N, C-alpha and C. Protein backbone atom coordinates (compact mmCIF):
# COMPACT_ATOMS: atom_id res chain seq x y z
N MET A 1 15.37 28.82 0.80
CA MET A 1 14.06 27.90 0.69
C MET A 1 13.28 28.48 -0.35
N GLU A 2 13.03 27.40 -1.16
CA GLU A 2 12.20 27.81 -2.36
C GLU A 2 10.95 27.09 -2.39
N SER A 3 9.99 27.52 -3.17
CA SER A 3 8.77 26.72 -3.38
C SER A 3 8.76 25.83 -4.92
N TYR A 4 8.72 24.72 -4.66
CA TYR A 4 8.86 24.13 -6.01
C TYR A 4 7.51 23.36 -6.70
N ARG A 5 7.32 23.54 -8.00
CA ARG A 5 6.46 22.51 -8.70
C ARG A 5 7.11 21.53 -9.29
N ILE A 6 6.93 20.26 -9.10
CA ILE A 6 7.94 19.01 -9.58
C ILE A 6 6.97 18.30 -10.61
N ILE A 7 7.09 17.81 -11.51
CA ILE A 7 6.35 16.84 -12.44
C ILE A 7 7.07 15.67 -12.72
N ILE A 8 6.79 14.66 -12.24
CA ILE A 8 7.24 13.30 -12.54
C ILE A 8 6.48 12.40 -13.72
N SER A 9 7.14 12.13 -14.75
CA SER A 9 6.52 11.26 -15.61
C SER A 9 7.09 9.97 -15.87
N GLY A 10 6.39 8.83 -16.24
CA GLY A 10 6.87 7.22 -16.39
C GLY A 10 5.82 6.83 -15.72
N LYS A 11 6.05 5.49 -15.13
CA LYS A 11 5.24 4.63 -14.89
C LYS A 11 5.05 4.89 -13.02
N VAL A 12 4.13 5.95 -13.11
CA VAL A 12 4.01 6.65 -11.62
C VAL A 12 2.87 6.55 -10.90
N GLN A 13 1.86 5.94 -11.58
CA GLN A 13 0.55 6.06 -11.11
C GLN A 13 -0.17 4.47 -11.16
N HIS A 14 -0.65 4.26 -9.97
CA HIS A 14 -1.20 3.03 -9.76
C HIS A 14 0.15 2.00 -9.22
N VAL A 15 1.40 2.72 -8.75
CA VAL A 15 2.31 1.68 -8.52
C VAL A 15 2.80 2.06 -7.05
N TYR A 16 2.18 2.70 -6.37
CA TYR A 16 2.25 3.23 -5.04
C TYR A 16 3.41 4.33 -4.94
N TYR A 17 3.74 4.64 -6.00
CA TYR A 17 4.70 6.12 -5.84
C TYR A 17 4.38 6.85 -5.08
N ARG A 18 3.05 7.34 -5.03
CA ARG A 18 2.84 8.77 -4.37
C ARG A 18 3.09 8.14 -2.84
N LYS A 19 2.69 7.07 -2.33
CA LYS A 19 2.69 6.58 -1.06
C LYS A 19 4.62 6.68 -0.51
N PHE A 20 5.52 5.90 -1.38
CA PHE A 20 6.64 5.76 -1.18
C PHE A 20 7.45 7.27 -1.01
N VAL A 21 6.99 7.98 -1.84
CA VAL A 21 7.52 9.20 -2.06
C VAL A 21 7.13 10.17 -0.67
N SER A 22 6.01 10.00 -0.51
CA SER A 22 5.45 10.93 0.68
C SER A 22 6.15 10.52 1.76
N GLN A 23 6.41 9.15 1.98
CA GLN A 23 7.00 8.66 3.23
C GLN A 23 8.33 9.20 3.12
N ALA A 24 9.34 9.28 2.18
CA ALA A 24 10.39 9.71 2.20
C ALA A 24 10.58 10.99 2.39
N LEU A 25 9.63 11.92 1.71
CA LEU A 25 9.94 13.20 2.04
C LEU A 25 9.39 13.75 3.46
N MET A 26 8.34 12.94 4.20
CA MET A 26 8.29 12.99 5.51
C MET A 26 9.46 12.68 6.42
N ARG A 27 10.17 11.85 6.16
CA ARG A 27 11.42 11.47 6.72
C ARG A 27 12.41 12.77 6.72
N LEU A 28 12.34 13.39 5.33
CA LEU A 28 13.23 14.59 5.48
C LEU A 28 12.55 15.91 5.86
N ARG A 29 11.40 15.81 6.42
CA ARG A 29 10.60 16.97 6.95
C ARG A 29 10.40 18.24 5.95
N ILE A 30 10.12 17.52 4.83
CA ILE A 30 9.69 18.52 3.66
C ILE A 30 8.24 18.71 3.74
N GLN A 31 7.77 19.93 3.60
CA GLN A 31 6.42 20.49 3.61
C GLN A 31 6.03 20.53 1.97
N GLY A 32 4.51 20.09 2.20
CA GLY A 32 3.85 20.09 0.78
C GLY A 32 3.17 19.04 0.41
N TYR A 33 2.90 18.51 -0.90
CA TYR A 33 2.11 17.50 -1.04
C TYR A 33 2.26 16.82 -2.55
N ILE A 34 1.78 15.91 -2.79
CA ILE A 34 2.25 14.85 -3.85
C ILE A 34 0.55 14.72 -4.51
N GLN A 35 0.34 14.67 -5.68
CA GLN A 35 -0.77 14.39 -6.39
C GLN A 35 -0.78 13.61 -7.69
N ASN A 36 -1.75 12.99 -8.12
CA ASN A 36 -1.79 12.46 -9.29
C ASN A 36 -2.41 13.53 -10.16
N LEU A 37 -2.09 13.67 -11.40
CA LEU A 37 -2.52 14.65 -12.55
C LEU A 37 -3.32 13.81 -13.57
N ASN A 38 -4.32 14.17 -14.17
CA ASN A 38 -4.87 13.43 -15.34
C ASN A 38 -4.26 13.23 -16.54
N ASP A 39 -3.25 13.68 -16.83
CA ASP A 39 -2.42 13.19 -17.70
C ASP A 39 -1.55 12.08 -17.44
N GLY A 40 -1.57 11.39 -16.38
CA GLY A 40 -0.56 10.33 -15.93
C GLY A 40 0.84 10.43 -15.39
N THR A 41 0.88 11.96 -15.21
CA THR A 41 1.90 12.33 -14.31
C THR A 41 1.76 12.41 -12.84
N VAL A 42 2.66 12.87 -11.92
CA VAL A 42 2.45 13.10 -10.72
C VAL A 42 3.20 14.55 -10.53
N GLU A 43 2.58 15.30 -9.50
CA GLU A 43 2.78 16.67 -9.25
C GLU A 43 3.31 16.65 -7.71
N VAL A 44 4.48 17.10 -7.46
CA VAL A 44 4.69 17.68 -6.16
C VAL A 44 4.94 19.04 -6.04
N ILE A 45 4.48 19.64 -4.97
CA ILE A 45 4.33 21.19 -4.38
C ILE A 45 5.45 21.09 -3.26
N ALA A 46 6.34 21.68 -3.38
CA ALA A 46 7.16 21.46 -1.84
C ALA A 46 8.11 22.67 -1.42
N LEU A 47 8.10 22.98 -0.15
CA LEU A 47 9.13 23.84 0.12
C LEU A 47 10.31 23.29 0.38
N ILE A 48 11.57 23.49 -0.27
CA ILE A 48 12.66 22.75 -0.16
C ILE A 48 13.75 23.79 0.12
N TYR A 49 14.69 23.57 1.27
CA TYR A 49 16.14 24.36 1.41
C TYR A 49 17.13 23.83 0.54
N ASP A 50 18.01 24.57 0.04
CA ASP A 50 19.06 24.26 -1.16
C ASP A 50 19.61 22.99 -1.09
N ASP A 51 20.01 22.83 0.47
CA ASP A 51 20.86 21.64 0.94
C ASP A 51 19.80 20.53 0.86
N GLU A 52 18.83 20.31 0.79
CA GLU A 52 17.78 19.39 0.57
C GLU A 52 17.52 18.79 -0.55
N TYR A 53 17.89 19.62 -1.47
CA TYR A 53 17.03 19.39 -2.98
C TYR A 53 17.56 18.07 -3.55
N ASP A 54 18.94 17.88 -3.48
CA ASP A 54 19.64 16.37 -3.84
C ASP A 54 18.69 15.43 -3.18
N SER A 55 18.64 15.44 -2.07
CA SER A 55 18.05 14.30 -1.41
C SER A 55 16.59 14.20 -1.97
N VAL A 56 15.77 15.30 -2.02
CA VAL A 56 14.53 14.93 -2.52
C VAL A 56 14.37 14.66 -3.89
N ASN A 57 15.27 14.95 -4.83
CA ASN A 57 15.46 14.48 -6.13
C ASN A 57 15.78 13.13 -6.28
N LYS A 58 16.58 12.73 -5.35
CA LYS A 58 16.91 11.09 -5.31
C LYS A 58 15.59 10.28 -4.99
N ALA A 59 14.84 10.73 -3.92
CA ALA A 59 13.50 10.15 -3.43
C ALA A 59 12.72 9.96 -4.79
N LEU A 60 12.54 11.12 -5.45
CA LEU A 60 11.60 11.30 -6.27
C LEU A 60 12.16 10.14 -7.62
N LYS A 61 13.38 10.22 -7.99
CA LYS A 61 13.80 9.19 -8.89
C LYS A 61 13.63 7.89 -8.60
N GLU A 62 13.97 7.50 -7.15
CA GLU A 62 13.84 6.09 -6.65
C GLU A 62 12.31 5.50 -6.69
N GLY A 63 11.33 6.33 -6.36
CA GLY A 63 9.97 5.73 -6.11
C GLY A 63 9.89 4.40 -5.56
N SER A 64 8.78 3.86 -6.24
CA SER A 64 8.37 2.64 -5.68
C SER A 64 8.96 1.52 -6.25
N PRO A 65 9.20 0.29 -5.37
CA PRO A 65 9.75 -0.89 -6.47
C PRO A 65 8.91 -0.99 -7.99
N LEU A 66 7.68 -0.66 -7.78
CA LEU A 66 7.24 -0.82 -9.05
C LEU A 66 7.12 0.11 -9.97
N SER A 67 7.36 1.27 -9.69
CA SER A 67 7.53 2.52 -10.42
C SER A 67 8.71 2.58 -11.31
N SER A 68 8.67 3.27 -12.37
CA SER A 68 9.66 3.77 -13.27
C SER A 68 9.84 5.16 -13.77
N VAL A 69 10.81 6.10 -13.35
CA VAL A 69 10.69 7.30 -13.65
C VAL A 69 11.29 7.45 -15.01
N ASP A 70 10.71 8.35 -15.88
CA ASP A 70 11.35 8.81 -17.07
C ASP A 70 11.90 10.40 -17.03
N ASP A 71 11.27 10.90 -16.27
CA ASP A 71 11.68 12.42 -16.49
C ASP A 71 11.20 13.21 -15.32
N ILE A 72 11.91 14.06 -14.76
CA ILE A 72 11.72 15.05 -13.54
C ILE A 72 11.95 16.44 -13.95
N THR A 73 10.84 17.27 -13.80
CA THR A 73 11.21 18.73 -14.23
C THR A 73 10.44 19.62 -13.28
N SER A 74 11.53 20.54 -12.75
CA SER A 74 10.89 21.20 -11.56
C SER A 74 11.09 22.92 -11.74
N THR A 75 10.29 23.63 -11.40
CA THR A 75 10.27 25.00 -11.37
C THR A 75 10.06 25.43 -10.31
N ILE A 76 10.65 26.68 -9.96
CA ILE A 76 10.18 27.44 -8.84
C ILE A 76 9.08 28.34 -8.95
N ILE A 77 8.12 28.20 -7.87
CA ILE A 77 6.93 29.00 -8.02
C ILE A 77 6.82 29.97 -6.90
N GLU A 78 6.00 30.89 -7.17
CA GLU A 78 5.74 32.06 -6.19
C GLU A 78 4.68 31.55 -5.15
N GLU A 79 4.74 31.11 -4.07
CA GLU A 79 3.76 30.60 -3.03
C GLU A 79 4.08 30.81 -1.72
N ASP A 80 4.70 32.12 -1.85
CA ASP A 80 5.11 32.54 -0.20
C ASP A 80 4.23 32.39 0.93
N ASP A 81 2.88 32.73 0.66
CA ASP A 81 1.82 32.73 1.43
C ASP A 81 1.04 31.37 2.00
N ILE A 82 1.55 30.10 1.28
CA ILE A 82 1.24 29.10 1.70
C ILE A 82 1.73 28.55 2.73
N ILE A 83 0.96 27.97 3.75
CA ILE A 83 1.61 27.46 4.96
C ILE A 83 1.27 25.89 4.82
N TYR A 84 2.07 24.97 4.93
CA TYR A 84 1.77 23.49 4.58
C TYR A 84 1.95 22.91 6.22
N ASP A 85 1.32 21.98 6.41
CA ASP A 85 1.48 21.25 7.75
C ASP A 85 1.81 19.82 7.36
N GLY A 86 3.29 19.69 7.32
CA GLY A 86 3.70 18.45 6.84
C GLY A 86 3.90 18.41 5.46
N PHE A 87 3.80 17.03 5.26
CA PHE A 87 3.99 16.88 3.62
C PHE A 87 2.47 15.51 3.63
N GLU A 88 1.81 15.74 2.58
CA GLU A 88 0.38 14.94 2.39
C GLU A 88 0.28 14.45 0.81
N ILE A 89 -0.52 13.17 0.92
CA ILE A 89 -0.94 12.68 -0.38
C ILE A 89 -2.44 13.52 -0.82
N ARG A 90 -2.45 13.96 -1.66
CA ARG A 90 -3.78 14.47 -2.18
C ARG A 90 -4.39 13.65 -3.18
N TYR A 91 -5.52 13.63 -3.00
CA TYR A 91 -6.60 12.70 -3.99
C TYR A 91 -7.37 13.64 -4.79
């Protein structure tokens, strides 16, 4: 299991992207959060097992019917001491 910081760019704000993604990641039982960033991108911080990574990436690419994802970048981060209680939308 790794902690990831994932940045999604494209038409991902004001199109229900966070809601759709958060619901998909909750179904996958991913721990973490999703939030809009000031530059128009969306950030996901999540604890992901290796065998779940493709499913998470698929959910991020799909998004909401109104969204359009141009790019997804992910980096492994060191956040071993953070404990998440499910998956949430942050405002």
